[in-house]
Amino acid sequence: MAEPRLAARFWVDAYLARLRLLDIQAFVVAHGDDGAGAVLVKLSTLDGRARAYHRGWDSAGARIWVVLAEGAEPEVDAALTRQRRMDPDLWVIEVEDRAGRHLLDQPGLI
């Protein structure tokens, strides 16, 4: 049986609310399709470095967050720009946290 899929906007709103509860700054950088847009999450550690995540699948077929790009923040931004060119329905959420917290490993966010 297929896993139910949340509307992208609902997931983004819930994610931003969870981050706010822990005083983690986050912003919608690119607003994708409310219903079916994929979501990328960029984590900036505010030291010139960043990492971007996208949803993928592990070898057992479970959903996981996978690193799309990491390194100097301008390089990660360039990777996100390329992804947006290929998929204009894509959401991009930017999380800013010096400790590197993104919460993507928390239950309900995968």
N, C-alpha and C. Protein backbone atom coordinates (compact mmCIF):
# COMPACT_ATOMS: atom_id res chain seq x y z
N MET A 1 0.84 -1.18 0.00
CA MET A 1 0.00 0.00 0.00
C MET A 1 0.89 1.24 0.00
N ALA A 2 0.58 2.18 -0.85
CA ALA A 2 1.40 3.39 -0.97
C ALA A 2 1.24 4.28 0.25
N GLU A 3 2.32 4.91 0.61
CA GLU A 3 2.35 5.83 1.74
C GLU A 3 1.61 7.11 1.34
N PRO A 4 0.71 7.65 2.20
CA PRO A 4 0.01 8.88 1.84
C PRO A 4 1.00 10.04 1.72
N ARG A 5 0.71 10.93 0.81
CA ARG A 5 1.61 12.05 0.55
C ARG A 5 0.98 13.35 1.04
N LEU A 6 1.72 14.08 1.84
CA LEU A 6 1.25 15.38 2.32
C LEU A 6 1.42 16.43 1.23
N ALA A 7 0.50 17.36 1.19
CA ALA A 7 0.67 18.50 0.28
C ALA A 7 1.92 19.24 0.71
N ALA A 8 2.68 19.71 -0.26
CA ALA A 8 3.95 20.37 0.03
C ALA A 8 3.76 21.56 0.98
N ARG A 9 2.75 22.36 0.75
CA ARG A 9 2.53 23.55 1.58
C ARG A 9 2.28 23.16 3.04
N PHE A 10 1.50 22.11 3.26
CA PHE A 10 1.22 21.64 4.61
C PHE A 10 2.51 21.21 5.30
N TRP A 11 3.34 20.45 4.59
CA TRP A 11 4.61 19.97 5.16
C TRP A 11 5.52 21.16 5.49
N VAL A 12 5.64 22.11 4.57
CA VAL A 12 6.49 23.28 4.80
C VAL A 12 6.02 24.06 6.01
N ASP A 13 4.73 24.30 6.12
CA ASP A 13 4.20 25.04 7.27
C ASP A 13 4.50 24.32 8.58
N ALA A 14 4.32 23.00 8.60
CA ALA A 14 4.58 22.22 9.80
C ALA A 14 6.07 22.24 10.15
N TYR A 15 6.92 22.13 9.13
CA TYR A 15 8.37 22.16 9.35
C TYR A 15 8.81 23.50 9.94
N LEU A 16 8.33 24.59 9.36
CA LEU A 16 8.69 25.92 9.85
C LEU A 16 8.21 26.11 11.29
N ALA A 17 7.03 25.60 11.61
CA ALA A 17 6.52 25.71 12.98
C ALA A 17 7.42 24.95 13.96
N ARG A 18 7.86 23.76 13.59
CA ARG A 18 8.76 22.99 14.47
C ARG A 18 10.07 23.72 14.69
N LEU A 19 10.61 24.29 13.64
CA LEU A 19 11.86 25.04 13.78
C LEU A 19 11.68 26.23 14.71
N ARG A 20 10.57 26.95 14.54
CA ARG A 20 10.31 28.13 15.39
C ARG A 20 10.23 27.74 16.87
N LEU A 21 9.67 26.57 17.16
CA LEU A 21 9.56 26.12 18.56
C LEU A 21 10.92 26.00 19.23
N LEU A 22 11.96 25.75 18.44
CA LEU A 22 13.32 25.63 18.98
C LEU A 22 14.16 26.86 18.69
N ASP A 23 13.51 27.94 18.28
CA ASP A 23 14.20 29.20 17.95
C ASP A 23 15.26 29.02 16.88
N ILE A 24 14.96 28.19 15.90
CA ILE A 24 15.84 28.00 14.74
C ILE A 24 15.26 28.84 13.61
N GLN A 25 16.07 29.75 13.08
CA GLN A 25 15.63 30.63 12.00
C GLN A 25 15.47 29.85 10.70
N ALA A 26 14.37 30.11 10.00
CA ALA A 26 14.15 29.46 8.69
C ALA A 26 13.26 30.36 7.84
N PHE A 27 13.49 30.29 6.54
CA PHE A 27 12.79 31.15 5.60
C PHE A 27 12.44 30.36 4.35
N VAL A 28 11.31 30.70 3.74
CA VAL A 28 10.97 30.16 2.43
C VAL A 28 11.69 31.03 1.41
N VAL A 29 12.66 30.45 0.73
CA VAL A 29 13.45 31.17 -0.26
C VAL A 29 12.79 31.08 -1.64
N ALA A 30 12.16 29.94 -1.91
CA ALA A 30 11.45 29.74 -3.17
C ALA A 30 10.15 29.00 -2.86
N HIS A 31 9.04 29.60 -3.23
CA HIS A 31 7.72 29.02 -3.00
C HIS A 31 7.36 28.16 -4.21
N GLY A 32 7.30 26.87 -3.98
CA GLY A 32 6.97 25.95 -5.06
C GLY A 32 5.47 25.71 -5.16
N ASP A 33 5.11 24.67 -5.86
CA ASP A 33 3.71 24.29 -6.01
C ASP A 33 3.15 23.85 -4.66
N ASP A 34 2.00 24.40 -4.27
CA ASP A 34 1.43 24.10 -2.96
C ASP A 34 1.07 22.63 -2.78
N GLY A 35 0.65 21.98 -3.84
CA GLY A 35 0.20 20.61 -3.72
C GLY A 35 1.27 19.57 -3.96
N ALA A 36 2.03 19.75 -5.01
CA ALA A 36 2.92 18.67 -5.43
C ALA A 36 4.38 19.05 -5.53
N GLY A 37 4.74 20.24 -5.13
CA GLY A 37 6.14 20.65 -5.26
C GLY A 37 7.06 19.85 -4.34
N ALA A 38 8.22 19.53 -4.85
CA ALA A 38 9.25 18.89 -4.02
C ALA A 38 9.87 19.96 -3.13
N VAL A 39 10.53 19.52 -2.06
CA VAL A 39 11.11 20.45 -1.10
C VAL A 39 12.61 20.19 -0.96
N LEU A 40 13.40 21.26 -1.06
CA LEU A 40 14.82 21.21 -0.74
C LEU A 40 15.03 22.05 0.51
N VAL A 41 15.91 21.59 1.38
CA VAL A 41 16.22 22.33 2.60
C VAL A 41 17.71 22.66 2.58
N LYS A 42 18.00 23.95 2.69
CA LYS A 42 19.39 24.40 2.77
C LYS A 42 19.68 24.75 4.23
N LEU A 43 20.74 24.20 4.76
CA LEU A 43 21.19 24.52 6.11
C LEU A 43 22.44 25.37 6.01
N SER A 44 22.35 26.59 6.52
CA SER A 44 23.51 27.47 6.59
C SER A 44 23.96 27.52 8.04
N THR A 45 25.24 27.25 8.28
CA THR A 45 25.78 27.31 9.64
C THR A 45 26.38 28.68 9.94
N LEU A 46 26.14 29.64 9.05
CA LEU A 46 26.52 31.04 9.26
C LEU A 46 28.02 31.25 9.40
N ASP A 47 28.80 30.33 8.81
CA ASP A 47 30.25 30.45 8.81
C ASP A 47 30.80 30.34 7.38
N GLY A 48 29.91 30.57 6.41
CA GLY A 48 30.31 30.47 5.01
C GLY A 48 30.10 29.09 4.42
N ARG A 49 29.63 28.15 5.23
CA ARG A 49 29.41 26.78 4.77
C ARG A 49 27.92 26.48 4.78
N ALA A 50 27.51 25.54 3.94
CA ALA A 50 26.10 25.17 3.87
C ALA A 50 25.98 23.75 3.36
N ARG A 51 24.80 23.22 3.52
CA ARG A 51 24.47 21.87 3.03
C ARG A 51 23.02 21.92 2.55
N ALA A 52 22.73 21.28 1.44
CA ALA A 52 21.37 21.21 0.92
C ALA A 52 20.91 19.75 0.91
N TYR A 53 19.66 19.55 1.32
CA TYR A 53 19.07 18.22 1.41
C TYR A 53 17.86 18.10 0.49
N HIS A 54 17.65 16.90 -0.02
CA HIS A 54 16.42 16.58 -0.74
C HIS A 54 15.95 15.21 -0.27
N ARG A 55 14.69 14.93 -0.49
CA ARG A 55 14.15 13.63 -0.08
C ARG A 55 14.53 12.58 -1.10
N GLY A 56 14.89 11.43 -0.58
CA GLY A 56 15.21 10.30 -1.44
C GLY A 56 14.72 9.03 -0.78
N TRP A 57 15.25 7.92 -1.25
CA TRP A 57 14.87 6.60 -0.75
C TRP A 57 16.12 5.83 -0.38
N ASP A 58 16.05 5.06 0.70
CA ASP A 58 17.19 4.20 1.03
C ASP A 58 17.02 2.86 0.32
N SER A 59 17.96 1.96 0.52
CA SER A 59 17.94 0.67 -0.18
C SER A 59 16.76 -0.20 0.22
N ALA A 60 16.16 0.07 1.38
CA ALA A 60 15.00 -0.71 1.82
C ALA A 60 13.68 -0.07 1.36
N GLY A 61 13.77 1.05 0.66
CA GLY A 61 12.57 1.71 0.16
C GLY A 61 11.96 2.73 1.12
N ALA A 62 12.67 3.04 2.20
CA ALA A 62 12.18 4.04 3.15
C ALA A 62 12.63 5.43 2.72
N ARG A 63 11.80 6.42 3.00
CA ARG A 63 12.16 7.81 2.68
C ARG A 63 13.24 8.30 3.63
N ILE A 64 14.19 9.03 3.07
CA ILE A 64 15.28 9.62 3.85
C ILE A 64 15.61 10.99 3.25
N TRP A 65 16.33 11.79 4.02
CA TRP A 65 16.86 13.05 3.50
C TRP A 65 18.30 12.79 3.07
N VAL A 66 18.62 13.19 1.85
CA VAL A 66 19.92 12.95 1.24
C VAL A 66 20.60 14.29 0.98
N VAL A 67 21.91 14.34 1.17
CA VAL A 67 22.66 15.56 0.88
C VAL A 67 22.75 15.73 -0.63
N LEU A 68 22.27 16.86 -1.10
CA LEU A 68 22.33 17.21 -2.52
C LEU A 68 23.63 17.93 -2.83
N ALA A 69 24.04 18.82 -1.92
CA ALA A 69 25.27 19.60 -2.11
C ALA A 69 25.74 20.07 -0.75
N GLU A 70 27.07 20.19 -0.60
CA GLU A 70 27.61 20.77 0.63
C GLU A 70 28.95 21.40 0.33
N GLY A 71 29.27 22.40 1.12
CA GLY A 71 30.54 23.10 0.95
C GLY A 71 30.36 24.58 1.18
N ALA A 72 31.11 25.36 0.42
CA ALA A 72 31.00 26.82 0.52
C ALA A 72 29.58 27.24 0.14
N GLU A 73 29.04 28.18 0.89
CA GLU A 73 27.65 28.57 0.67
C GLU A 73 27.34 29.02 -0.76
N PRO A 74 28.21 29.77 -1.43
CA PRO A 74 27.90 30.14 -2.82
C PRO A 74 27.78 28.92 -3.75
N GLU A 75 28.56 27.89 -3.49
CA GLU A 75 28.47 26.67 -4.31
C GLU A 75 27.15 25.94 -4.06
N VAL A 76 26.73 25.89 -2.82
CA VAL A 76 25.45 25.26 -2.50
C VAL A 76 24.30 26.07 -3.12
N ASP A 77 24.39 27.39 -3.03
CA ASP A 77 23.37 28.25 -3.65
C ASP A 77 23.30 28.01 -5.15
N ALA A 78 24.44 27.84 -5.79
CA ALA A 78 24.47 27.58 -7.24
C ALA A 78 23.79 26.24 -7.55
N ALA A 79 24.01 25.23 -6.72
CA ALA A 79 23.36 23.94 -6.93
C ALA A 79 21.84 24.07 -6.80
N LEU A 80 21.39 24.86 -5.83
CA LEU A 80 19.96 25.08 -5.66
C LEU A 80 19.36 25.84 -6.84
N THR A 81 20.10 26.81 -7.35
CA THR A 81 19.64 27.56 -8.52
C THR A 81 19.47 26.63 -9.71
N ARG A 82 20.42 25.73 -9.91
CA ARG A 82 20.31 24.76 -11.01
C ARG A 82 19.07 23.87 -10.84
N GLN A 83 18.82 23.44 -9.62
CA GLN A 83 17.65 22.60 -9.37
C GLN A 83 16.36 23.37 -9.66
N ARG A 84 16.31 24.63 -9.27
CA ARG A 84 15.11 25.45 -9.52
C ARG A 84 14.90 25.67 -11.01
N ARG A 85 15.97 25.78 -11.77
CA ARG A 85 15.82 25.94 -13.23
C ARG A 85 15.18 24.70 -13.84
N MET A 86 15.53 23.53 -13.31
CA MET A 86 14.98 22.27 -13.83
C MET A 86 13.56 22.03 -13.34
N ASP A 87 13.23 22.56 -12.15
CA ASP A 87 11.92 22.30 -11.55
C ASP A 87 11.39 23.57 -10.89
N PRO A 88 10.62 24.37 -11.62
CA PRO A 88 10.12 25.63 -11.05
C PRO A 88 9.08 25.42 -9.94
N ASP A 89 8.57 24.20 -9.77
CA ASP A 89 7.60 23.91 -8.71
C ASP A 89 8.29 23.59 -7.38
N LEU A 90 9.59 23.64 -7.37
CA LEU A 90 10.40 23.27 -6.22
C LEU A 90 10.34 24.32 -5.11
N TRP A 91 10.18 23.85 -3.88
CA TRP A 91 10.28 24.70 -2.69
C TRP A 91 11.73 24.70 -2.22
N VAL A 92 12.22 25.83 -1.74
CA VAL A 92 13.53 25.89 -1.10
C VAL A 92 13.34 26.58 0.25
N ILE A 93 13.70 25.86 1.30
CA ILE A 93 13.64 26.38 2.66
C ILE A 93 15.08 26.58 3.13
N GLU A 94 15.39 27.76 3.63
CA GLU A 94 16.73 28.01 4.18
C GLU A 94 16.65 28.04 5.69
N VAL A 95 17.45 27.20 6.32
CA VAL A 95 17.55 27.12 7.78
C VAL A 95 18.90 27.71 8.16
N GLU A 96 18.90 28.59 9.15
CA GLU A 96 20.15 29.20 9.63
C GLU A 96 20.36 28.81 11.08
N ASP A 97 21.41 28.04 11.33
CA ASP A 97 21.68 27.60 12.69
C ASP A 97 23.16 27.29 12.84
N ARG A 98 23.83 28.01 13.72
CA ARG A 98 25.27 27.81 13.94
C ARG A 98 25.60 26.40 14.41
N ALA A 99 24.68 25.77 15.14
CA ALA A 99 24.90 24.42 15.65
C ALA A 99 24.60 23.35 14.60
N GLY A 100 24.09 23.74 13.45
CA GLY A 100 23.81 22.78 12.38
C GLY A 100 22.52 22.00 12.56
N ARG A 101 21.60 22.51 13.37
CA ARG A 101 20.33 21.82 13.58
C ARG A 101 19.39 22.07 12.40
N HIS A 102 18.76 21.01 11.91
CA HIS A 102 17.80 21.13 10.82
C HIS A 102 16.53 20.34 11.10
N LEU A 103 16.56 19.43 12.04
CA LEU A 103 15.42 18.61 12.49
C LEU A 103 14.92 17.61 11.45
N LEU A 104 15.58 17.49 10.32
CA LEU A 104 15.09 16.58 9.29
C LEU A 104 15.12 15.12 9.70
N ASP A 105 15.86 14.81 10.75
CA ASP A 105 15.92 13.44 11.24
C ASP A 105 14.85 13.16 12.29
N GLN A 106 13.98 14.13 12.56
CA GLN A 106 12.94 13.98 13.56
C GLN A 106 11.73 13.22 13.00
N PRO A 107 11.03 12.47 13.84
CA PRO A 107 9.82 11.75 13.38
C PRO A 107 8.82 12.73 12.76
N GLY A 108 8.20 12.30 11.69
CA GLY A 108 7.20 13.11 11.01
C GLY A 108 7.74 14.05 9.96
N LEU A 109 9.05 14.20 9.89
CA LEU A 109 9.62 15.13 8.90
C LEU A 109 10.25 14.41 7.71
N ILE A 110 10.29 13.11 7.76
CA ILE A 110 10.89 12.35 6.67
C ILE A 110 9.81 12.06 5.68
